[in-house]
C-alpha cells in the first residue's frame, strides 16, 4: 500500500506564542517619559523666573523710580516758590549722575534695606555706618548702595568706572562734583571699613569729603561687594535754568 504524504502550508501552522513581556519595562519607560516632561516643565519655569528677575523687575522698578523722581522734582519746584525748608528725606534727597556707568539719573533715598532698593533707587547707609550727607558741609563719607542686577540694576555697570570719572550728586540747590580715585573689585559683604569716614582701604589717610558706591559682585550673585571711591572736587550752585556742571554736558 502506497504511503501518503501530507503537505502543510505556512497558513496551516498555529500562530507562535507571543514572547513573554519583561516585567517592569513598561514602568521604566513611563517613568522616563514623566521625568523628561518634568525636566522640560522645570526648565520653562526656571526660564520664566530668570526673565522675571532680570527683566520684568527692572521694568517695574524703573516705573516706580520715575514716579518717585517726578515727585521729588515737584517738591523742589514748590520749594523755590515758597522758600527753603528743612531736609525732607521721605521721598528722596537728590539724584546721582554717573555718566560712565549709566545715562539715567538715580534717585537717592534714606536706607539700604532690600525693600527700598527694589524700587530702583540708590540708598545711603544709616547702619552699621552712618553716611555723612554732603549738604551738612562736614567731612565724612557719603556711602551708597544699589542693586547690580534686577530691580532697576542702577549700579549694573559699576565696573566701567575708572580713576578720574565724575560722580555728580544733585540736590535742590547744589551740584556736588566728585572724581573717582580708587576702586575695590571684590571684598567681603561684611567689610564695613570701606564705609568709614576716612576710607583707609582706598588709600586715604586724612579726613575729607568722600563718596562711596557699593554693590554686589560678581554680576548675578551677592557673594562679594564691589566698591568705588570718589572725592569731592567742587560744589556748584544750581541756577534758574538748572544747568548741569560740565561733566554732565
C-alpha atoms as a PDB file:
ATOM      1  CA  UNK A   1       0.000   0.000   0.000  1.00  0.00           C
ATOM      2  CA  UNK A   2       1.436   3.259  -1.049  1.00  0.00           C
ATOM      3  CA  UNK A   3       2.390   5.728   1.651  1.00  0.00           C
ATOM      4  CA  UNK A   4       0.708   9.108   1.559  1.00  0.00           C
ATOM      5  CA  UNK A   5       2.447  12.404   2.258  1.00  0.00           C
ATOM      6  CA  UNK A   6       0.680  15.287   3.965  1.00  0.00           C
ATOM      7  CA  UNK A   7       1.759  18.765   2.873  1.00  0.00           C
ATOM      8  CA  UNK A   8       1.392  21.626   5.312  1.00  0.00           C
ATOM      9  CA  UNK A   9       1.421  25.263   4.270  1.00  0.00           C
ATOM     10  CA  UNK A  10       2.519  28.181   6.479  1.00  0.00           C
ATOM     11  CA  UNK A  11      -1.092  29.187   6.845  1.00  0.00           C
ATOM     12  CA  UNK A  12      -1.879  25.848   8.373  1.00  0.00           C
ATOM     13  CA  UNK A  13       0.682  26.268  11.148  1.00  0.00           C
ATOM     14  CA  UNK A  14      -0.519  27.557  14.503  1.00  0.00           C
ATOM     15  CA  UNK A  15       0.396  31.132  15.486  1.00  0.00           C
ATOM     16  CA  UNK A  16       3.586  31.322  17.522  1.00  0.00           C
ATOM     17  CA  UNK A  17       3.128  32.072  21.157  1.00  0.00           C
ATOM     18  CA  UNK A  18       3.808  35.722  21.987  1.00  0.00           C
ATOM     19  CA  UNK A  19       7.162  36.416  23.612  1.00  0.00           C
ATOM     20  CA  UNK A  20       6.791  36.881  27.317  1.00  0.00           C
ATOM     21  CA  UNK A  21       6.787  40.593  28.254  1.00  0.00           C
ATOM     22  CA  UNK A  22       9.632  41.574  30.522  1.00  0.00           C
ATOM     23  CA  UNK A  23       8.179  42.711  33.776  1.00  0.00           C
ATOM     24  CA  UNK A  24       8.977  46.344  34.655  1.00  0.00           C
ATOM     25  CA  UNK A  25       9.986  47.502  31.144  1.00  0.00           C
ATOM     26  CA  UNK A  26       6.745  49.425  30.653  1.00  0.00           C
ATOM     27  CA  UNK A  27       7.004  51.024  34.045  1.00  0.00           C
ATOM     28  CA  UNK A  28      10.569  52.208  33.368  1.00  0.00           C
ATOM     29  CA  UNK A  29       9.585  53.703  30.025  1.00  0.00           C
ATOM     30  CA  UNK A  30       6.674  55.532  31.637  1.00  0.00           C
ATOM     31  CA  UNK A  31       8.861  56.822  34.446  1.00  0.00           C
ATOM     32  CA  UNK A  32      11.464  58.110  31.960  1.00  0.00           C
ATOM     33  CA  UNK A  33       8.749  59.845  29.954  1.00  0.00           C
ATOM     34  CA  UNK A  34       7.274  61.507  33.034  1.00  0.00           C
ATOM     35  CA  UNK A  35      10.728  62.555  34.263  1.00  0.00           C
ATOM     36  CA  UNK A  36      11.512  64.091  30.890  1.00  0.00           C
ATOM     37  CA  UNK A  37       8.300  66.087  30.939  1.00  0.00           C
ATOM     38  CA  UNK A  38       9.078  67.290  34.451  1.00  0.00           C
ATOM     39  CA  UNK A  39      12.524  68.464  33.332  1.00  0.00           C
ATOM     40  CA  UNK A  40      11.006  70.390  30.448  1.00  0.00           C
ATOM     41  CA  UNK A  41       8.460  71.983  32.764  1.00  0.00           C
ATOM     42  CA  UNK A  42      11.162  72.850  35.288  1.00  0.00           C
ATOM     43  CA  UNK A  43      13.255  74.379  32.522  1.00  0.00           C
ATOM     44  CA  UNK A  44      10.341  76.547  31.402  1.00  0.00           C
ATOM     45  CA  UNK A  45       9.640  77.676  34.967  1.00  0.00           C
ATOM     46  CA  UNK A  46      13.321  78.484  35.515  1.00  0.00           C
ATOM     47  CA  UNK A  47      13.439  80.418  32.257  1.00  0.00           C
ATOM     48  CA  UNK A  48      10.381  82.438  33.232  1.00  0.00           C
ATOM     49  CA  UNK A  49      11.897  83.135  36.646  1.00  0.00           C
ATOM     50  CA  UNK A  50      15.100  84.427  35.021  1.00  0.00           C
ATOM     51  CA  UNK A  51      13.076  86.684  32.707  1.00  0.00           C
ATOM     52  CA  UNK A  52      11.115  87.959  35.701  1.00  0.00           C
ATOM     53  CA  UNK A  53      14.213  88.538  37.844  1.00  0.00           C
ATOM     54  CA  UNK A  54      16.447  90.157  35.237  1.00  0.00           C
ATOM     55  CA  UNK A  55      13.948  92.000  33.045  1.00  0.00           C
ATOM     56  CA  UNK A  56      10.467  92.419  34.445  1.00  0.00           C
ATOM     57  CA  UNK A  57      11.667  93.556  37.892  1.00  0.00           C
ATOM     58  CA  UNK A  58      13.718  96.207  36.081  1.00  0.00           C
ATOM     59  CA  UNK A  59      10.611  97.411  34.261  1.00  0.00           C
ATOM     60  CA  UNK A  60       8.587  97.644  37.469  1.00  0.00           C
ATOM     61  CA  UNK A  61      11.411  99.285  39.433  1.00  0.00           C
ATOM     62  CA  UNK A  62      12.090 101.872  36.729  1.00  0.00           C
ATOM     63  CA  UNK A  63       8.407 102.823  36.631  1.00  0.00           C
ATOM     64  CA  UNK A  64       8.320 103.243  40.393  1.00  0.00           C
ATOM     65  CA  UNK A  65      11.587 105.203  40.443  1.00  0.00           C
ATOM     66  CA  UNK A  66      10.371 107.543  37.690  1.00  0.00           C
ATOM     67  CA  UNK A  67       7.224 108.357  39.657  1.00  0.00           C
ATOM     68  CA  UNK A  68       9.223 108.967  42.827  1.00  0.00           C
ATOM     69  CA  UNK A  69      11.716 111.127  40.938  1.00  0.00           C
ATOM     70  CA  UNK A  70       8.936 113.280  39.491  1.00  0.00           C
ATOM     71  CA  UNK A  71       7.558 113.737  42.999  1.00  0.00           C
ATOM     72  CA  UNK A  72      10.927 114.948  44.298  1.00  0.00           C
ATOM     73  CA  UNK A  73      11.352 117.433  41.467  1.00  0.00           C
ATOM     74  CA  UNK A  74       7.801 118.709  42.004  1.00  0.00           C
ATOM     75  CA  UNK A  75       8.652 119.310  45.660  1.00  0.00           C
ATOM     76  CA  UNK A  76      11.769 121.211  44.626  1.00  0.00           C
ATOM     77  CA  UNK A  77       9.734 123.406  42.291  1.00  0.00           C
ATOM     78  CA  UNK A  78       7.281 124.168  45.080  1.00  0.00           C
ATOM     79  CA  UNK A  79      10.128 124.955  47.481  1.00  0.00           C
ATOM     80  CA  UNK A  80      11.558 127.520  45.058  1.00  0.00           C
ATOM     81  CA  UNK A  81       8.243 129.345  45.216  1.00  0.00           C
ATOM     82  CA  UNK A  82       7.751 129.094  48.974  1.00  0.00           C
ATOM     83  CA  UNK A  83      11.347 129.462  50.140  1.00  0.00           C
ATOM     84  CA  UNK A  84      13.845 126.995  51.649  1.00  0.00           C
ATOM     85  CA  UNK A  85      12.739 124.402  54.157  1.00  0.00           C
ATOM     86  CA  UNK A  86      14.222 121.605  56.214  1.00  0.00           C
ATOM     87  CA  UNK A  87      15.625 118.489  54.558  1.00  0.00           C
ATOM     88  CA  UNK A  88      12.854 116.062  53.641  1.00  0.00           C
ATOM     89  CA  UNK A  89      14.170 112.501  53.401  1.00  0.00           C
ATOM     90  CA  UNK A  90      10.815 110.806  52.837  1.00  0.00           C
ATOM     91  CA  UNK A  91      10.716 110.927  49.031  1.00  0.00           C
ATOM     92  CA  UNK A  92      14.443 111.285  48.333  1.00  0.00           C
ATOM     93  CA  UNK A  93      17.271 113.714  48.949  1.00  0.00           C
ATOM     94  CA  UNK A  94      18.607 114.115  45.407  1.00  0.00           C
ATOM     95  CA  UNK A  95      19.922 112.402  42.299  1.00  0.00           C
ATOM     96  CA  UNK A  96      23.141 110.651  41.392  1.00  0.00           C
ATOM     97  CA  UNK A  97      24.593 111.134  37.902  1.00  0.00           C
ATOM     98  CA  UNK A  98      27.411 108.817  36.799  1.00  0.00           C
ATOM     99  CA  UNK A  99      27.959 109.134  33.006  1.00  0.00           C
ATOM    100  CA  UNK A 100      30.496 106.291  32.785  1.00  0.00           C
ATOM    101  CA  UNK A 101      28.048 103.903  34.471  1.00  0.00           C
ATOM    102  CA  UNK A 102      24.591 104.940  33.261  1.00  0.00           C
ATOM    103  CA  UNK A 103      22.799 107.683  31.344  1.00  0.00           C
ATOM    104  CA  UNK A 104      19.909 107.613  33.815  1.00  0.00           C
ATOM    105  CA  UNK A 105      19.555 109.745  36.899  1.00  0.00           C
ATOM    106  CA  UNK A 106      19.432 107.694  40.095  1.00  0.00           C
ATOM    107  CA  UNK A 107      17.136 108.788  42.895  1.00  0.00           C
ATOM    108  CA  UNK A 108      18.780 108.606  46.318  1.00  0.00           C
ATOM    109  CA  UNK A 109      16.735 107.739  49.392  1.00  0.00           C
ATOM    110  CA  UNK A 110      17.443 107.045  53.045  1.00  0.00           C
ATOM    111  CA  UNK A 111      18.408 103.459  53.938  1.00  0.00           C
ATOM    112  CA  UNK A 112      19.781 100.389  52.205  1.00  0.00           C
ATOM    113  CA  UNK A 113      17.265  97.648  53.003  1.00  0.00           C
ATOM    114  CA  UNK A 114      16.200  95.402  50.120  1.00  0.00           C
ATOM    115  CA  UNK A 115      12.617  96.666  50.068  1.00  0.00           C
ATOM    116  CA  UNK A 116      13.803 100.216  49.407  1.00  0.00           C
ATOM    117  CA  UNK A 117      16.472  99.300  46.846  1.00  0.00           C
ATOM    118  CA  UNK A 118      13.990  97.093  44.993  1.00  0.00           C
ATOM    119  CA  UNK A 119      12.209 100.280  43.908  1.00  0.00           C
ATOM    120  CA  UNK A 120      15.063 101.103  41.530  1.00  0.00           C
ATOM    121  CA  UNK A 121      16.843 103.666  43.702  1.00  0.00           C
ATOM    122  CA  UNK A 122      20.157 104.022  45.486  1.00  0.00           C
ATOM    123  CA  UNK A 123      20.149 104.312  49.259  1.00  0.00           C
ATOM    124  CA  UNK A 124      22.571 105.923  51.681  1.00  0.00           C
ATOM    125  CA  UNK A 125      23.791 103.935  54.664  1.00  0.00           C
ATOM    126  CA  UNK A 126      22.367 104.521  58.111  1.00  0.00           C
ATOM    127  CA  UNK A 127      23.578 101.223  59.623  1.00  0.00           C
ATOM    128  CA  UNK A 128      26.092  99.908  60.647  1.00  0.00           C
ATOM    129  CA  UNK A 129      27.920 103.053  59.484  1.00  0.00           C
ATOM    130  CA  UNK A 130      26.010 106.301  59.107  1.00  0.00           C
ATOM    131  CA  UNK A 131      26.709 108.160  55.886  1.00  0.00           C
ATOM    132  CA  UNK A 132      27.705 111.816  56.026  1.00  0.00           C
ATOM    133  CA  UNK A 133      25.360 113.783  53.785  1.00  0.00           C
ATOM    134  CA  UNK A 134      27.138 116.344  51.569  1.00  0.00           C
ATOM    135  CA  UNK A 135      24.578 119.021  52.488  1.00  0.00           C
ATOM    136  CA  UNK A 136      25.949 119.047  56.042  1.00  0.00           C
ATOM    137  CA  UNK A 137      29.201 120.552  54.812  1.00  0.00           C
ATOM    138  CA  UNK A 138      31.126 118.241  57.146  1.00  0.00           C
ATOM    139  CA  UNK A 139      33.967 115.888  56.341  1.00  0.00           C
ATOM    140  CA  UNK A 140      32.931 112.266  56.028  1.00  0.00           C
ATOM    141  CA  UNK A 141      31.842 109.540  53.676  1.00  0.00           C
ATOM    142  CA  UNK A 142      28.639 109.764  51.629  1.00  0.00           C
ATOM    143  CA  UNK A 143      28.227 105.991  51.202  1.00  0.00           C
ATOM    144  CA  UNK A 144      25.595 104.500  48.873  1.00  0.00           C
ATOM    145  CA  UNK A 145      24.283 101.116  47.757  1.00  0.00           C
ATOM    146  CA  UNK A 146      22.141  99.927  44.832  1.00  0.00           C
ATOM    147  CA  UNK A 147      21.344  96.711  43.007  1.00  0.00           C
ATOM    148  CA  UNK A 148      23.613  95.434  40.256  1.00  0.00           C
ATOM    149  CA  UNK A 149      21.055  93.143  38.582  1.00  0.00           C
ATOM    150  CA  UNK A 150      17.272  93.140  38.698  1.00  0.00           C
ATOM    151  CA  UNK A 151      15.064  95.741  40.397  1.00  0.00           C
ATOM    152  CA  UNK A 152      16.411  98.582  38.262  1.00  0.00           C
ATOM    153  CA  UNK A 153      20.058  97.453  38.407  1.00  0.00           C
ATOM    154  CA  UNK A 154      21.224 101.051  38.867  1.00  0.00           C
ATOM    155  CA  UNK A 155      24.841 100.027  39.606  1.00  0.00           C
ATOM    156  CA  UNK A 156      24.981  97.291  36.945  1.00  0.00           C
ATOM    157  CA  UNK A 157      27.933  98.886  35.104  1.00  0.00           C
ATOM    158  CA  UNK A 158      29.879  99.975  38.169  1.00  0.00           C
ATOM    159  CA  UNK A 159      32.902  98.069  36.811  1.00  0.00           C
ATOM    160  CA  UNK A 160      33.158 100.643  33.990  1.00  0.00           C
ATOM    161  CA  UNK A 161      34.157 103.396  36.403  1.00  0.00           C
ATOM    162  CA  UNK A 162      37.833 104.380  36.226  1.00  0.00           C
ATOM    163  CA  UNK A 163      40.048 106.831  38.051  1.00  0.00           C
ATOM    164  CA  UNK A 164      39.085 110.388  37.174  1.00  0.00           C
ATOM    165  CA  UNK A 165      35.493 109.634  36.138  1.00  0.00           C
ATOM    166  CA  UNK A 166      32.940 112.088  37.542  1.00  0.00           C
ATOM    167  CA  UNK A 167      30.225 111.244  40.049  1.00  0.00           C
ATOM    168  CA  UNK A 168      27.748 114.090  40.485  1.00  0.00           C
ATOM    169  CA  UNK A 169      25.212 114.405  43.271  1.00  0.00           C
ATOM    170  CA  UNK A 170      22.344 116.785  42.510  1.00  0.00           C
ATOM    171  CA  UNK A 171      20.270 118.428  45.236  1.00  0.00           C
ATOM    172  CA  UNK A 172      17.622 121.132  45.083  1.00  0.00           C
ATOM    173  CA  UNK A 173      20.211 123.904  45.464  1.00  0.00           C
ATOM    174  CA  UNK A 174      23.636 122.471  44.615  1.00  0.00           C
ATOM    175  CA  UNK A 175      25.689 120.167  42.433  1.00  0.00           C
ATOM    176  CA  UNK A 176      28.378 118.171  44.254  1.00  0.00           C
ATOM    177  CA  UNK A 177      31.056 117.030  41.835  1.00  0.00           C
ATOM    178  CA  UNK A 178      33.251 114.090  42.851  1.00  0.00           C
ATOM    179  CA  UNK A 179      36.042 112.325  40.962  1.00  0.00           C
ATOM    180  CA  UNK A 180      36.785 108.604  41.237  1.00  0.00           C
ATOM    181  CA  UNK A 181      40.202 107.942  42.748  1.00  0.00           C
ATOM    182  CA  UNK A 182      40.105 104.235  43.721  1.00  0.00           C
ATOM    183  CA  UNK A 183      38.151 101.003  43.206  1.00  0.00           C
ATOM    184  CA  UNK A 184      37.980  97.668  45.013  1.00  0.00           C
ATOM    185  CA  UNK A 185      36.657  94.948  42.644  1.00  0.00           C
ATOM    186  CA  UNK A 186      35.979  92.442  45.400  1.00  0.00           C
ATOM    187  CA  UNK A 187      35.642  92.445  49.162  1.00  0.00           C
ATOM    188  CA  UNK A 188      33.594  90.713  51.833  1.00  0.00           C
ATOM    189  CA  UNK A 189      29.980  91.789  52.230  1.00  0.00           C
ATOM    190  CA  UNK A 190      30.801  92.229  55.927  1.00  0.00           C
ATOM    191  CA  UNK A 191      33.646  94.676  55.306  1.00  0.00           C
ATOM    192  CA  UNK A 192      32.165  97.885  56.693  1.00  0.00           C
ATOM    193  CA  UNK A 193      35.571  99.587  56.814  1.00  0.00           C
ATOM    194  CA  UNK A 194      35.034 100.650  53.192  1.00  0.00           C
ATOM    195  CA  UNK A 195      32.282 102.941  54.528  1.00  0.00           C
ATOM    196  CA  UNK A 196      34.404 104.567  57.220  1.00  0.00           C
ATOM    197  CA  UNK A 197      34.526 108.394  57.390  1.00  0.00           C
ATOM    198  CA  UNK A 198      38.131 108.066  56.280  1.00  0.00           C
ATOM    199  CA  UNK A 199      38.160 105.005  53.981  1.00  0.00           C
ATOM    200  CA  UNK A 200      41.726 103.866  54.586  1.00  0.00           C
ATOM    201  CA  UNK A 201      41.340 100.869  52.260  1.00  0.00           C
ATOM    202  CA  UNK A 202      41.030 103.385  49.430  1.00  0.00           C
ATOM    203  CA  UNK A 203      44.438 104.812  50.261  1.00  0.00           C
ATOM    204  CA  UNK A 204      43.249 107.948  52.035  1.00  0.00           C
ATOM    205  CA  UNK A 205      44.665 108.756  55.486  1.00  0.00           C
ATOM    206  CA  UNK A 206      43.130 112.137  56.279  1.00  0.00           C
ATOM    207  CA  UNK A 207      39.609 113.426  56.755  1.00  0.00           C
ATOM    208  CA  UNK A 208      37.921 114.696  53.623  1.00  0.00           C
ATOM    209  CA  UNK A 209      34.660 114.730  51.708  1.00  0.00           C
ATOM    210  CA  UNK A 210      34.292 111.289  50.129  1.00  0.00           C
ATOM    211  CA  UNK A 211      31.643 109.324  48.274  1.00  0.00           C
ATOM    212  CA  UNK A 212      31.472 105.523  48.192  1.00  0.00           C
ATOM    213  CA  UNK A 213      29.413 103.373  45.827  1.00  0.00           C
ATOM    214  CA  UNK A 214      28.828  99.739  46.779  1.00  0.00           C
ATOM    215  CA  UNK A 215      27.030  96.857  45.080  1.00  0.00           C
ATOM    216  CA  UNK A 216      27.077  93.084  44.743  1.00  0.00           C
ATOM    217  CA  UNK A 217      29.660  91.164  42.732  1.00  0.00           C
ATOM    218  CA  UNK A 218      30.154  89.045  40.649  1.00  0.00           C
ATOM    219  CA  UNK A 219      27.195  90.036  38.473  1.00  0.00           C
ATOM    220  CA  UNK A 220      24.050  87.997  39.214  1.00  0.00           C
ATOM    221  CA  UNK A 221      25.373  86.984  42.631  1.00  0.00           C
ATOM    222  CA  UNK A 222      25.587  88.620  46.055  1.00  0.00           C
ATOM    223  CA  UNK A 223      28.637  86.823  47.379  1.00  0.00           C
ATOM    224  CA  UNK A 224      31.001  89.826  47.496  1.00  0.00           C
ATOM    225  CA  UNK A 225      30.902  93.604  47.211  1.00  0.00           C
ATOM    226  CA  UNK A 226      32.315  95.926  44.541  1.00  0.00           C
ATOM    227  CA  UNK A 227      33.405  99.326  45.825  1.00  0.00           C
ATOM    228  CA  UNK A 228      34.190 102.655  44.142  1.00  0.00           C
ATOM    229  CA  UNK A 229      35.527 105.700  45.997  1.00  0.00           C
ATOM    230  CA  UNK A 230      35.391 109.323  44.913  1.00  0.00           C
ATOM    231  CA  UNK A 231      36.467 112.629  46.428  1.00  0.00           C
ATOM    232  CA  UNK A 232      34.704 115.979  46.260  1.00  0.00           C
ATOM    233  CA  UNK A 233      36.439 118.430  43.916  1.00  0.00           C
ATOM    234  CA  UNK A 234      33.938 121.303  43.883  1.00  0.00           C
ATOM    235  CA  UNK A 235      30.384 122.440  44.611  1.00  0.00           C
ATOM    236  CA  UNK A 236      28.261 124.495  42.211  1.00  0.00           C
ATOM    237  CA  UNK A 237      25.054 126.328  42.956  1.00  0.00           C
ATOM    238  CA  UNK A 238      22.017 125.404  40.883  1.00  0.00           C
ATOM    239  CA  UNK A 239      20.974 128.257  38.580  1.00  0.00           C
ATOM    240  CA  UNK A 240      17.434 129.083  37.449  1.00  0.00           C
ATOM    241  CA  UNK A 241      17.859 127.028  34.263  1.00  0.00           C
ATOM    242  CA  UNK A 242      19.250 124.130  36.308  1.00  0.00           C
ATOM    243  CA  UNK A 243      22.279 123.975  34.010  1.00  0.00           C
ATOM    244  CA  UNK A 244      24.269 120.840  34.874  1.00  0.00           C
ATOM    245  CA  UNK A 245      28.024 121.013  35.516  1.00  0.00           C
ATOM    246  CA  UNK A 246      30.330 120.499  32.545  1.00  0.00           C
ATOM    247  CA  UNK A 247      30.899 116.860  33.497  1.00  0.00           C
ATOM    248  CA  UNK A 248      27.279 116.099  32.573  1.00  0.00           C
ATOM    249  CA  UNK A 249      27.029 118.106  29.347  1.00  0.00           C
END
